[in-house]
C-alpha cells in the first residue's frame, strides 16, 4: 500500500507583495495523515530564520490539532532585505515555499497581508 507523504502548503499566492515598513504574514498548513510534525522550521533564502537576531520583529506561532498543524511567521517592519524565498519545512512532511517581494514606495502590485 502506497501512502503519499504529507505536504506543507503556504496559504495564498505564490508571490506576495508587501510595502516596506508593513508586516509580512505567512501561514503554513500541514494536513496530518498520521503523526503531526514535531517541529516546523522556516528558512529565508536557504538559511534557517534566526528569531534572536539583532533585526528583531520576527515571530512564530504554531498551532497543532489532531488533523493539522499551522505555523504562522510574522515579520514586522518589513525591509527590502526581507525580500526573497521563504520555505516552511515540517519535520515529517514535504516543504512549501513562497516568494516575498518588499517594495520601496508606491506600486500598483503591493498588497498588505494578502494571504488568507
PDB file of N, CA and C in Angstrom:
ATOM      1  N   UNK A   1       0.843  -1.179   0.000  1.00  0.00           N
ATOM      2  CA  UNK A   1       0.000   0.000   0.000  1.00  0.00           C
ATOM      3  C   UNK A   1       0.892   1.247   0.000  1.00  0.00           C
ATOM      4  N   UNK A   2       0.643   2.175  -0.900  1.00  0.00           N
ATOM      5  CA  UNK A   2       1.413   3.410  -1.023  1.00  0.00           C
ATOM      6  C   UNK A   2       0.708   4.517  -0.244  1.00  0.00           C
ATOM      7  N   UNK A   3       1.460   5.182   0.617  1.00  0.00           N
ATOM      8  CA  UNK A   3       0.931   6.323   1.355  1.00  0.00           C
ATOM      9  C   UNK A   3       1.752   7.542   0.962  1.00  0.00           C
ATOM     10  N   UNK A   4       1.077   8.543   0.415  1.00  0.00           N
ATOM     11  CA  UNK A   4       1.773   9.760  -0.011  1.00  0.00           C
ATOM     12  C   UNK A   4       2.276  10.520   1.208  1.00  0.00           C
ATOM     13  N   UNK A   5       3.439  11.137   1.057  1.00  0.00           N
ATOM     14  CA  UNK A   5       3.998  11.953   2.135  1.00  0.00           C
ATOM     15  C   UNK A   5       3.123  13.180   2.341  1.00  0.00           C
ATOM     16  N   UNK A   6       3.025  13.596   3.582  1.00  0.00           N
ATOM     17  CA  UNK A   6       2.277  14.813   3.868  1.00  0.00           C
ATOM     18  C   UNK A   6       2.954  15.986   3.163  1.00  0.00           C
ATOM     19  N   UNK A   7       2.159  16.962   2.768  1.00  0.00           N
ATOM     20  CA  UNK A   7       2.668  18.111   2.030  1.00  0.00           C
ATOM     21  C   UNK A   7       2.301  19.392   2.763  1.00  0.00           C
ATOM     22  N   UNK A   8       3.277  20.219   3.027  1.00  0.00           N
ATOM     23  CA  UNK A   8       3.013  21.540   3.589  1.00  0.00           C
ATOM     24  C   UNK A   8       2.454  22.430   2.487  1.00  0.00           C
ATOM     25  N   UNK A   9       1.658  23.418   2.888  1.00  0.00           N
ATOM     26  CA  UNK A   9       1.110  24.376   1.924  1.00  0.00           C
ATOM     27  C   UNK A   9       1.135  25.756   2.573  1.00  0.00           C
ATOM     28  N   UNK A  10       1.703  26.725   1.857  1.00  0.00           N
ATOM     29  CA  UNK A  10       1.659  28.107   2.328  1.00  0.00           C
ATOM     30  C   UNK A  10       0.426  28.742   1.705  1.00  0.00           C
ATOM     31  N   UNK A  11      -0.459  29.223   2.561  1.00  0.00           N
ATOM     32  CA  UNK A  11      -1.739  29.748   2.101  1.00  0.00           C
ATOM     33  C   UNK A  11      -1.558  31.059   1.349  1.00  0.00           C
ATOM     34  N   UNK A  12      -2.342  31.224   0.283  1.00  0.00           N
ATOM     35  CA  UNK A  12      -2.281  32.447  -0.503  1.00  0.00           C
ATOM     36  C   UNK A  12      -1.505  32.259  -1.789  1.00  0.00           C
ATOM     37  N   UNK A  13      -1.173  33.372  -2.453  1.00  0.00           N
ATOM     38  CA  UNK A  13      -0.480  33.300  -3.746  1.00  0.00           C
ATOM     39  C   UNK A  13       0.977  32.859  -3.609  1.00  0.00           C
ATOM     40  N   UNK A  14       1.564  32.442  -4.727  1.00  0.00           N
ATOM     41  CA  UNK A  14       2.968  32.018  -4.741  1.00  0.00           C
ATOM     42  C   UNK A  14       3.925  33.202  -4.636  1.00  0.00           C
ATOM     43  N   UNK A  15       3.458  34.381  -5.006  1.00  0.00           N
ATOM     44  CA  UNK A  15       4.238  35.615  -4.893  1.00  0.00           C
ATOM     45  C   UNK A  15       3.461  36.587  -4.016  1.00  0.00           C
ATOM     46  N   UNK A  16       4.112  37.091  -2.980  1.00  0.00           N
ATOM     47  CA  UNK A  16       3.486  38.020  -2.045  1.00  0.00           C
ATOM     48  C   UNK A  16       4.207  39.357  -2.148  1.00  0.00           C
ATOM     49  N   UNK A  17       3.434  40.426  -2.292  1.00  0.00           N
ATOM     50  CA  UNK A  17       3.992  41.774  -2.407  1.00  0.00           C
ATOM     51  C   UNK A  17       3.576  42.580  -1.183  1.00  0.00           C
ATOM     52  N   UNK A  18       4.545  43.143  -0.478  1.00  0.00           N
ATOM     53  CA  UNK A  18       4.264  43.977   0.682  1.00  0.00           C
ATOM     54  C   UNK A  18       5.065  45.267   0.584  1.00  0.00           C
ATOM     55  N   UNK A  19       4.528  46.304   1.185  1.00  0.00           N
ATOM     56  CA  UNK A  19       5.196  47.596   1.193  1.00  0.00           C
ATOM     57  C   UNK A  19       6.218  47.633   2.329  1.00  0.00           C
ATOM     58  N   UNK A  20       7.343  48.256   2.072  1.00  0.00           N
ATOM     59  CA  UNK A  20       8.384  48.450   3.085  1.00  0.00           C
ATOM     60  C   UNK A  20       7.749  49.058   4.334  1.00  0.00           C
ATOM     61  N   UNK A  21       8.087  48.507   5.504  1.00  0.00           N
ATOM     62  CA  UNK A  21       7.549  49.007   6.762  1.00  0.00           C
ATOM     63  C   UNK A  21       6.291  48.300   7.229  1.00  0.00           C
ATOM     64  N   UNK A  22       5.671  47.503   6.361  1.00  0.00           N
ATOM     65  CA  UNK A  22       4.464  46.777   6.740  1.00  0.00           C
ATOM     66  C   UNK A  22       4.846  45.437   7.371  1.00  0.00           C
ATOM     67  N   UNK A  23       3.856  44.608   7.662  1.00  0.00           N
ATOM     68  CA  UNK A  23       4.098  43.299   8.269  1.00  0.00           C
ATOM     69  C   UNK A  23       3.925  42.196   7.237  1.00  0.00           C
ATOM     70  N   UNK A  24       4.902  41.311   7.172  1.00  0.00           N
ATOM     71  CA  UNK A  24       4.812  40.117   6.333  1.00  0.00           C
ATOM     72  C   UNK A  24       4.174  39.032   7.195  1.00  0.00           C
ATOM     73  N   UNK A  25       3.095  38.432   6.712  1.00  0.00           N
ATOM     74  CA  UNK A  25       2.418  37.363   7.438  1.00  0.00           C
ATOM     75  C   UNK A  25       2.296  36.160   6.517  1.00  0.00           C
ATOM     76  N   UNK A  26       2.972  35.067   6.869  1.00  0.00           N
ATOM     77  CA  UNK A  26       2.941  33.845   6.069  1.00  0.00           C
ATOM     78  C   UNK A  26       2.396  32.715   6.926  1.00  0.00           C
ATOM     79  N   UNK A  27       1.448  31.950   6.375  1.00  0.00           N
ATOM     80  CA  UNK A  27       0.839  30.845   7.105  1.00  0.00           C
ATOM     81  C   UNK A  27       1.073  29.543   6.370  1.00  0.00           C
ATOM     82  N   UNK A  28       1.674  28.593   7.072  1.00  0.00           N
ATOM     83  CA  UNK A  28       1.979  27.273   6.528  1.00  0.00           C
ATOM     84  C   UNK A  28       1.058  26.256   7.196  1.00  0.00           C
ATOM     85  N   UNK A  29       0.375  25.462   6.390  1.00  0.00           N
ATOM     86  CA  UNK A  29      -0.548  24.462   6.901  1.00  0.00           C
ATOM     87  C   UNK A  29      -0.096  23.074   6.474  1.00  0.00           C
ATOM     88  N   UNK A  30      -0.140  22.134   7.420  1.00  0.00           N
ATOM     89  CA  UNK A  30       0.201  20.743   7.129  1.00  0.00           C
ATOM     90  C   UNK A  30      -0.972  19.888   7.578  1.00  0.00           C
ATOM     91  N   UNK A  31      -1.662  19.248   6.613  1.00  0.00           N
ATOM     92  CA  UNK A  31      -2.725  18.320   6.959  1.00  0.00           C
ATOM     93  C   UNK A  31      -2.085  16.998   7.325  1.00  0.00           C
ATOM     94  N   UNK A  32      -2.378  16.534   8.509  1.00  0.00           N
ATOM     95  CA  UNK A  32      -1.715  15.367   9.063  1.00  0.00           C
ATOM     96  C   UNK A  32      -2.494  14.103   8.735  1.00  0.00           C
ATOM     97  N   UNK A  33      -1.794  13.115   8.181  1.00  0.00           N
ATOM     98  CA  UNK A  33      -2.422  11.835   7.882  1.00  0.00           C
ATOM     99  C   UNK A  33      -2.139  10.819   8.977  1.00  0.00           C
ATOM    100  N   UNK A  34      -1.086  11.016   9.744  1.00  0.00           N
ATOM    101  CA  UNK A  34      -0.770  10.094  10.834  1.00  0.00           C
ATOM    102  C   UNK A  34      -0.283  10.880  12.045  1.00  0.00           C
ATOM    103  N   UNK A  35       1.003  11.163  12.106  1.00  0.00           N
ATOM    104  CA  UNK A  35       1.584  11.862  13.248  1.00  0.00           C
ATOM    105  C   UNK A  35       1.875  13.318  12.891  1.00  0.00           C
ATOM    106  N   UNK A  36       1.419  14.263  13.721  1.00  0.00           N
ATOM    107  CA  UNK A  36       1.733  15.672  13.443  1.00  0.00           C
ATOM    108  C   UNK A  36       3.244  15.895  13.471  1.00  0.00           C
ATOM    109  N   UNK A  37       3.740  16.876  12.706  1.00  0.00           N
ATOM    110  CA  UNK A  37       5.177  17.157  12.737  1.00  0.00           C
ATOM    111  C   UNK A  37       5.592  17.605  14.139  1.00  0.00           C
ATOM    112  N   UNK A  38       6.751  17.145  14.582  1.00  0.00           N
ATOM    113  CA  UNK A  38       7.237  17.555  15.901  1.00  0.00           C
ATOM    114  C   UNK A  38       7.713  19.001  15.880  1.00  0.00           C
ATOM    115  N   UNK A  39       8.082  19.484  14.692  1.00  0.00           N
ATOM    116  CA  UNK A  39       8.520  20.874  14.567  1.00  0.00           C
ATOM    117  C   UNK A  39       8.291  21.371  13.144  1.00  0.00           C
ATOM    118  N   UNK A  40       8.214  22.683  13.019  1.00  0.00           N
ATOM    119  CA  UNK A  40       8.124  23.348  11.716  1.00  0.00           C
ATOM    120  C   UNK A  40       9.165  24.455  11.739  1.00  0.00           C
ATOM    121  N   UNK A  41      10.100  24.420  10.793  1.00  0.00           N
ATOM    122  CA  UNK A  41      11.105  25.482  10.726  1.00  0.00           C
ATOM    123  C   UNK A  41      10.863  26.333   9.486  1.00  0.00           C
ATOM    124  N   UNK A  42      11.302  27.566   9.549  1.00  0.00           N
ATOM    125  CA  UNK A  42      11.182  28.500   8.435  1.00  0.00           C
ATOM    126  C   UNK A  42      12.578  28.892   7.977  1.00  0.00           C
ATOM    127  N   UNK A  43      12.747  28.952   6.659  1.00  0.00           N
ATOM    128  CA  UNK A  43      14.019  29.356   6.068  1.00  0.00           C
ATOM    129  C   UNK A  43      13.774  30.572   5.172  1.00  0.00           C
ATOM    130  N   UNK A  44      14.750  31.461   5.124  1.00  0.00           N
ATOM    131  CA  UNK A  44      14.704  32.622   4.232  1.00  0.00           C
ATOM    132  C   UNK A  44      15.979  32.599   3.412  1.00  0.00           C
ATOM    133  N   UNK A  45      15.828  32.481   2.100  1.00  0.00           N
ATOM    134  CA  UNK A  45      16.994  32.438   1.226  1.00  0.00           C
ATOM    135  C   UNK A  45      17.886  31.237   1.491  1.00  0.00           C
ATOM    136  N   UNK A  46      17.319  30.141   1.950  1.00  0.00           N
ATOM    137  CA  UNK A  46      18.083  28.922   2.189  1.00  0.00           C
ATOM    138  C   UNK A  46      18.666  28.792   3.582  1.00  0.00           C
ATOM    139  N   UNK A  47      18.583  29.840   4.404  1.00  0.00           N
ATOM    140  CA  UNK A  47      19.129  29.794   5.766  1.00  0.00           C
ATOM    141  C   UNK A  47      17.988  29.767   6.781  1.00  0.00           C
ATOM    142  N   UNK A  48      18.185  29.042   7.870  1.00  0.00           N
ATOM    143  CA  UNK A  48      17.178  28.988   8.927  1.00  0.00           C
ATOM    144  C   UNK A  48      16.995  30.388   9.506  1.00  0.00           C
ATOM    145  N   UNK A  49      15.735  30.799   9.674  1.00  0.00           N
ATOM    146  CA  UNK A  49      15.462  32.113  10.257  1.00  0.00           C
ATOM    147  C   UNK A  49      15.929  32.147  11.707  1.00  0.00           C
ATOM    148  N   UNK A  50      16.596  33.226  12.071  1.00  0.00           N
ATOM    149  CA  UNK A  50      17.093  33.413  13.429  1.00  0.00           C
ATOM    150  C   UNK A  50      16.140  34.356  14.157  1.00  0.00           C
ATOM    151  N   UNK A  51      15.360  33.794  15.079  1.00  0.00           N
ATOM    152  CA  UNK A  51      14.379  34.600  15.795  1.00  0.00           C
ATOM    153  C   UNK A  51      15.020  35.470  16.868  1.00  0.00           C
ATOM    154  N   UNK A  52      16.297  35.265  17.143  1.00  0.00           N
ATOM    155  CA  UNK A  52      17.019  36.061  18.139  1.00  0.00           C
ATOM    156  C   UNK A  52      17.999  37.040  17.501  1.00  0.00           C
ATOM    157  N   UNK A  53      17.852  37.283  16.208  1.00  0.00           N
ATOM    158  CA  UNK A  53      18.787  38.172  15.519  1.00  0.00           C
ATOM    159  C   UNK A  53      18.595  39.614  15.989  1.00  0.00           C
ATOM    160  N   UNK A  54      19.612  40.447  15.823  1.00  0.00           N
ATOM    161  CA  UNK A  54      19.511  41.858  16.205  1.00  0.00           C
ATOM    162  C   UNK A  54      18.411  42.599  15.437  1.00  0.00           C
ATOM    163  N   UNK A  55      18.011  42.074  14.268  1.00  0.00           N
ATOM    164  CA  UNK A  55      16.971  42.717  13.472  1.00  0.00           C
ATOM    165  C   UNK A  55      15.684  42.843  14.278  1.00  0.00           C
ATOM    166  N   UNK A  56      15.331  41.809  15.034  1.00  0.00           N
ATOM    167  CA  UNK A  56      14.106  41.820  15.822  1.00  0.00           C
ATOM    168  C   UNK A  56      12.867  41.803  14.942  1.00  0.00           C
ATOM    169  N   UNK A  57      11.703  41.729  15.574  1.00  0.00           N
ATOM    170  CA  UNK A  57      10.444  41.806  14.853  1.00  0.00           C
ATOM    171  C   UNK A  57      10.037  40.557  14.100  1.00  0.00           C
ATOM    172  N   UNK A  58      10.714  39.424  14.355  1.00  0.00           N
ATOM    173  CA  UNK A  58      10.374  38.176  13.680  1.00  0.00           C
ATOM    174  C   UNK A  58       9.814  37.224  14.726  1.00  0.00           C
ATOM    175  N   UNK A  59       8.592  36.722  14.491  1.00  0.00           N
ATOM    176  CA  UNK A  59       7.980  35.820  15.463  1.00  0.00           C
ATOM    177  C   UNK A  59       7.276  34.673  14.757  1.00  0.00           C
ATOM    178  N   UNK A  60       6.985  33.642  15.536  1.00  0.00           N
ATOM    179  CA  UNK A  60       6.385  32.428  15.002  1.00  0.00           C
ATOM    180  C   UNK A  60       5.312  31.947  15.959  1.00  0.00           C
ATOM    181  N   UNK A  61       4.158  31.573  15.404  1.00  0.00           N
ATOM    182  CA  UNK A  61       3.080  30.967  16.182  1.00  0.00           C
ATOM    183  C   UNK A  61       2.774  29.625  15.542  1.00  0.00           C
ATOM    184  N   UNK A  62       2.694  28.564  16.347  1.00  0.00           N
ATOM    185  CA  UNK A  62       2.371  27.246  15.814  1.00  0.00           C
ATOM    186  C   UNK A  62       1.201  26.671  16.589  1.00  0.00           C
ATOM    187  N   UNK A  63       0.222  26.155  15.847  1.00  0.00           N
ATOM    188  CA  UNK A  63      -0.960  25.548  16.448  1.00  0.00           C
ATOM    189  C   UNK A  63      -1.090  24.123  15.931  1.00  0.00           C
ATOM    190  N   UNK A  64      -1.234  23.177  16.851  1.00  0.00           N
ATOM    191  CA  UNK A  64      -1.360  21.769  16.468  1.00  0.00           C
ATOM    192  C   UNK A  64      -2.720  21.233  16.892  1.00  0.00           C
ATOM    193  N   UNK A  65      -3.367  20.500  15.989  1.00  0.00           N
ATOM    194  CA  UNK A  65      -4.585  19.767  16.304  1.00  0.00           C
ATOM    195  C   UNK A  65      -4.353  18.315  15.900  1.00  0.00           C
ATOM    196  N   UNK A  66      -5.360  17.479  16.074  1.00  0.00           N
ATOM    197  CA  UNK A  66      -5.217  16.075  15.687  1.00  0.00           C
ATOM    198  C   UNK A  66      -5.053  15.910  14.184  1.00  0.00           C
ATOM    199  N   UNK A  67      -5.635  16.814  13.414  1.00  0.00           N
ATOM    200  CA  UNK A  67      -5.634  16.636  11.959  1.00  0.00           C
ATOM    201  C   UNK A  67      -4.746  17.606  11.192  1.00  0.00           C
ATOM    202  N   UNK A  68      -4.223  18.641  11.856  1.00  0.00           N
ATOM    203  CA  UNK A  68      -3.392  19.597  11.123  1.00  0.00           C
ATOM    204  C   UNK A  68      -2.446  20.349  12.057  1.00  0.00           C
ATOM    205  N   UNK A  69      -1.434  20.926  11.446  1.00  0.00           N
ATOM    206  CA  UNK A  69      -0.509  21.820  12.142  1.00  0.00           C
ATOM    207  C   UNK A  69      -0.420  23.091  11.317  1.00  0.00           C
ATOM    208  N   UNK A  70      -0.559  24.235  11.977  1.00  0.00           N
ATOM    209  CA  UNK A  70      -0.477  25.524  11.301  1.00  0.00           C
ATOM    210  C   UNK A  70       0.630  26.350  11.946  1.00  0.00           C
ATOM    211  N   UNK A  71       1.514  26.875  11.111  1.00  0.00           N
ATOM    212  CA  UNK A  71       2.620  27.701  11.581  1.00  0.00           C
ATOM    213  C   UNK A  71       2.526  29.064  10.898  1.00  0.00           C
ATOM    214  N   UNK A  72       2.503  30.125  11.696  1.00  0.00           N
ATOM    215  CA  UNK A  72       2.403  31.479  11.140  1.00  0.00           C
ATOM    216  C   UNK A  72       3.670  32.259  11.452  1.00  0.00           C
ATOM    217  N   UNK A  73       4.301  32.748  10.393  1.00  0.00           N
ATOM    218  CA  UNK A  73       5.504  33.567  10.510  1.00  0.00           C
ATOM    219  C   UNK A  73       5.116  35.027  10.341  1.00  0.00           C
ATOM    220  N   UNK A  74       5.541  35.867  11.279  1.00  0.00           N
ATOM    221  CA  UNK A  74       5.294  37.304  11.199  1.00  0.00           C
ATOM    222  C   UNK A  74       6.626  38.038  11.195  1.00  0.00           C
ATOM    223  N   UNK A  75       6.785  38.932  10.234  1.00  0.00           N
ATOM    224  CA  UNK A  75       7.974  39.779  10.147  1.00  0.00           C
ATOM    225  C   UNK A  75       7.472  41.219  10.122  1.00  0.00           C
ATOM    226  N   UNK A  76       7.680  41.943  11.231  1.00  0.00           N
ATOM    227  CA  UNK A  76       7.200  43.320  11.304  1.00  0.00           C
ATOM    228  C   UNK A  76       8.229  44.277  10.714  1.00  0.00           C
ATOM    229  N   UNK A  77       7.748  45.456  10.359  1.00  0.00           N
ATOM    230  CA  UNK A  77       8.615  46.498   9.799  1.00  0.00           C
ATOM    231  C   UNK A  77       9.463  45.946   8.648  1.00  0.00           C
ATOM    232  N   UNK A  78       8.780  45.388   7.649  1.00  0.00           N
ATOM    233  CA  UNK A  78       9.461  44.752   6.512  1.00  0.00           C
ATOM    234  C   UNK A  78      10.502  45.676   5.892  1.00  0.00           C
ATOM    235  N   UNK A  79      11.652  45.082   5.608  1.00  0.00           N
ATOM    236  CA  UNK A  79      12.763  45.791   4.964  1.00  0.00           C
ATOM    237  C   UNK A  79      12.986  45.198   3.585  1.00  0.00           C
ATOM    238  N   UNK A  80      13.675  45.931   2.733  1.00  0.00           N
ATOM    239  CA  UNK A  80      13.980  45.418   1.395  1.00  0.00           C
ATOM    240  C   UNK A  80      14.762  44.114   1.486  1.00  0.00           C
ATOM    241  N   UNK A  81      15.606  43.967   2.507  1.00  0.00           N
ATOM    242  CA  UNK A  81      16.401  42.742   2.666  1.00  0.00           C
ATOM    243  C   UNK A  81      15.558  41.546   3.100  1.00  0.00           C
ATOM    244  N   UNK A  82      14.297  41.782   3.469  1.00  0.00           N
ATOM    245  CA  UNK A  82      13.395  40.680   3.817  1.00  0.00           C
ATOM    246  C   UNK A  82      12.798  40.035   2.568  1.00  0.00           C
ATOM    247  N   UNK A  83      13.033  40.614   1.404  1.00  0.00           N
ATOM    248  CA  UNK A  83      12.563  40.017   0.149  1.00  0.00           C
ATOM    249  C   UNK A  83      13.266  38.686  -0.070  1.00  0.00           C
ATOM    250  N   UNK A  84      12.601  37.801  -0.788  1.00  0.00           N
ATOM    251  CA  UNK A  84      13.235  36.533  -1.144  1.00  0.00           C
ATOM    252  C   UNK A  84      12.327  35.350  -0.918  1.00  0.00           C
ATOM    253  N   UNK A  85      12.914  34.170  -1.025  1.00  0.00           N
ATOM    254  CA  UNK A  85      12.186  32.922  -0.897  1.00  0.00           C
ATOM    255  C   UNK A  85      12.073  32.517   0.571  1.00  0.00           C
ATOM    256  N   UNK A  86      10.845  32.227   1.002  1.00  0.00           N
ATOM    257  CA  UNK A  86      10.590  31.717   2.347  1.00  0.00           C
ATOM    258  C   UNK A  86      10.075  30.293   2.215  1.00  0.00           C
ATOM    259  N   UNK A  87      10.638  29.389   3.016  1.00  0.00           N
ATOM    260  CA  UNK A  87      10.256  27.983   2.956  1.00  0.00           C
ATOM    261  C   UNK A  87       9.853  27.498   4.335  1.00  0.00           C
ATOM    262  N   UNK A  88       8.718  26.819   4.378  1.00  0.00           N
ATOM    263  CA  UNK A  88       8.201  26.191   5.586  1.00  0.00           C
ATOM    264  C   UNK A  88       8.586  24.715   5.510  1.00  0.00           C
ATOM    265  N   UNK A  89       9.313  24.221   6.527  1.00  0.00           N
ATOM    266  CA  UNK A  89       9.798  22.841   6.491  1.00  0.00           C
ATOM    267  C   UNK A  89       9.325  22.082   7.735  1.00  0.00           C
ATOM    268  N   UNK A  90       8.242  21.304   7.598  1.00  0.00           N
ATOM    269  CA  UNK A  90       7.796  20.461   8.710  1.00  0.00           C
ATOM    270  C   UNK A  90       8.744  19.273   8.875  1.00  0.00           C
ATOM    271  N   UNK A  91       8.838  18.755  10.095  1.00  0.00           N
ATOM    272  CA  UNK A  91       9.767  17.655  10.365  1.00  0.00           C
ATOM    273  C   UNK A  91       9.393  16.368   9.635  1.00  0.00           C
ATOM    274  N   UNK A  92       8.111  16.178   9.297  1.00  0.00           N
ATOM    275  CA  UNK A  92       7.705  14.926   8.660  1.00  0.00           C
ATOM    276  C   UNK A  92       6.827  15.127   7.420  1.00  0.00           C
ATOM    277  N   UNK A  93       7.057  16.225   6.708  1.00  0.00           N
ATOM    278  CA  UNK A  93       6.266  16.493   5.501  1.00  0.00           C
ATOM    279  C   UNK A  93       7.135  17.228   4.484  1.00  0.00           C
ATOM    280  N   UNK A  94       6.693  17.203   3.240  1.00  0.00           N
ATOM    281  CA  UNK A  94       7.403  17.930   2.192  1.00  0.00           C
ATOM    282  C   UNK A  94       7.260  19.432   2.425  1.00  0.00           C
ATOM    283  N   UNK A  95       8.302  20.210   2.139  1.00  0.00           N
ATOM    284  CA  UNK A  95       8.270  21.654   2.377  1.00  0.00           C
ATOM    285  C   UNK A  95       7.415  22.404   1.356  1.00  0.00           C
ATOM    286  N   UNK A  96       7.149  23.667   1.674  1.00  0.00           N
ATOM    287  CA  UNK A  96       6.440  24.566   0.758  1.00  0.00           C
ATOM    288  C   UNK A  96       7.164  25.903   0.771  1.00  0.00           C
ATOM    289  N   UNK A  97       7.143  26.602  -0.376  1.00  0.00           N
ATOM    290  CA  UNK A  97       7.852  27.879  -0.494  1.00  0.00           C
ATOM    291  C   UNK A  97       6.967  28.956  -1.085  1.00  0.00           C
ATOM    292  N   UNK A  98       7.338  30.193  -0.811  1.00  0.00           N
ATOM    293  CA  UNK A  98       6.666  31.365  -1.354  1.00  0.00           C
ATOM    294  C   UNK A  98       7.735  32.433  -1.585  1.00  0.00           C
ATOM    295  N   UNK A  99       7.519  33.281  -2.573  1.00  0.00           N
ATOM    296  CA  UNK A  99       8.446  34.378  -2.858  1.00  0.00           C
ATOM    297  C   UNK A  99       7.832  35.675  -2.334  1.00  0.00           C
ATOM    298  N   UNK A 100       8.582  36.367  -1.484  1.00  0.00           N
ATOM    299  CA  UNK A 100       8.125  37.630  -0.907  1.00  0.00           C
ATOM    300  C   UNK A 100       8.889  38.772  -1.562  1.00  0.00           C
ATOM    301  N   UNK A 101       8.149  39.795  -1.976  1.00  0.00           N
ATOM    302  CA  UNK A 101       8.725  40.983  -2.604  1.00  0.00           C
ATOM    303  C   UNK A 101       8.382  42.182  -1.723  1.00  0.00           C
ATOM    304  N   UNK A 102       9.388  42.792  -1.112  1.00  0.00           N
ATOM    305  CA  UNK A 102       9.179  44.005  -0.323  1.00  0.00           C
ATOM    306  C   UNK A 102       9.471  45.181  -1.238  1.00  0.00           C
ATOM    307  N   UNK A 103       8.466  46.036  -1.396  1.00  0.00           N
ATOM    308  CA  UNK A 103       8.565  47.134  -2.352  1.00  0.00           C
ATOM    309  C   UNK A 103       8.829  48.453  -1.647  1.00  0.00           C
ATOM    310  N   UNK A 104       9.711  49.235  -2.224  1.00  0.00           N
ATOM    311  CA  UNK A 104      10.077  50.537  -1.690  1.00  0.00           C
ATOM    312  C   UNK A 104       9.218  51.589  -2.367  1.00  0.00           C
ATOM    313  N   UNK A 105       8.290  52.173  -1.616  1.00  0.00           N
ATOM    314  CA  UNK A 105       7.443  53.200  -2.202  1.00  0.00           C
ATOM    315  C   UNK A 105       6.157  52.643  -2.761  1.00  0.00           C
ATOM    316  N   UNK A 106       5.504  53.445  -3.578  1.00  0.00           N
ATOM    317  CA  UNK A 106       4.197  53.076  -4.109  1.00  0.00           C
ATOM    318  C   UNK A 106       4.328  52.171  -5.319  1.00  0.00           C
ATOM    319  N   UNK A 107       3.435  51.219  -5.388  1.00  0.00           N
ATOM    320  CA  UNK A 107       3.386  50.318  -6.537  1.00  0.00           C
ATOM    321  C   UNK A 107       1.974  49.798  -6.672  1.00  0.00           C
ATOM    322  N   UNK A 108       1.554  49.559  -7.876  1.00  0.00           N
ATOM    323  CA  UNK A 108       0.221  49.005  -8.080  1.00  0.00           C
ATOM    324  C   UNK A 108       0.175  47.523  -7.754  1.00  0.00           C
ATOM    325  N   UNK A 109       1.337  46.911  -7.456  1.00  0.00           N
ATOM    326  CA  UNK A 109       1.394  45.475  -7.218  1.00  0.00           C
ATOM    327  C   UNK A 109       1.331  45.085  -5.750  1.00  0.00           C
ATOM    328  N   UNK A 110       1.574  46.016  -4.834  1.00  0.00           N
ATOM    329  CA  UNK A 110       1.668  45.567  -3.444  1.00  0.00           C
ATOM    330  C   UNK A 110       0.293  45.377  -2.831  1.00  0.00           C
ATOM    331  N   UNK A 111       0.230  44.434  -1.913  1.00  0.00           N
ATOM    332  CA  UNK A 111      -0.982  44.213  -1.136  1.00  0.00           C
ATOM    333  C   UNK A 111      -0.555  43.810   0.263  1.00  0.00           C
ATOM    334  N   UNK A 112      -1.091  44.466   1.255  1.00  0.00           N
ATOM    335  CA  UNK A 112      -0.710  44.184   2.632  1.00  0.00           C
ATOM    336  C   UNK A 112      -1.491  42.994   3.156  1.00  0.00           C
ATOM    337  N   UNK A 113      -0.764  42.032   3.727  1.00  0.00           N
ATOM    338  CA  UNK A 113      -1.386  40.855   4.328  1.00  0.00           C
ATOM    339  C   UNK A 113      -2.412  40.232   3.400  1.00  0.00           C
ATOM    340  N   UNK A 114      -2.028  39.999   2.159  1.00  0.00           N
ATOM    341  CA  UNK A 114      -2.959  39.496   1.154  1.00  0.00           C
ATOM    342  C   UNK A 114      -3.174  37.999   1.234  1.00  0.00           C
ATOM    343  N   UNK A 115      -2.431  37.318   2.094  1.00  0.00           N
ATOM    344  CA  UNK A 115      -2.561  35.862   2.181  1.00  0.00           C
ATOM    345  C   UNK A 115      -3.744  35.515   3.068  1.00  0.00           C
ATOM    346  N   UNK A 116      -4.440  34.469   2.686  1.00  0.00           N
ATOM    347  CA  UNK A 116      -5.555  34.023   3.527  1.00  0.00           C
ATOM    348  C   UNK A 116      -5.682  32.534   3.473  1.00  0.00           C
TER     349      UNK A 116
END
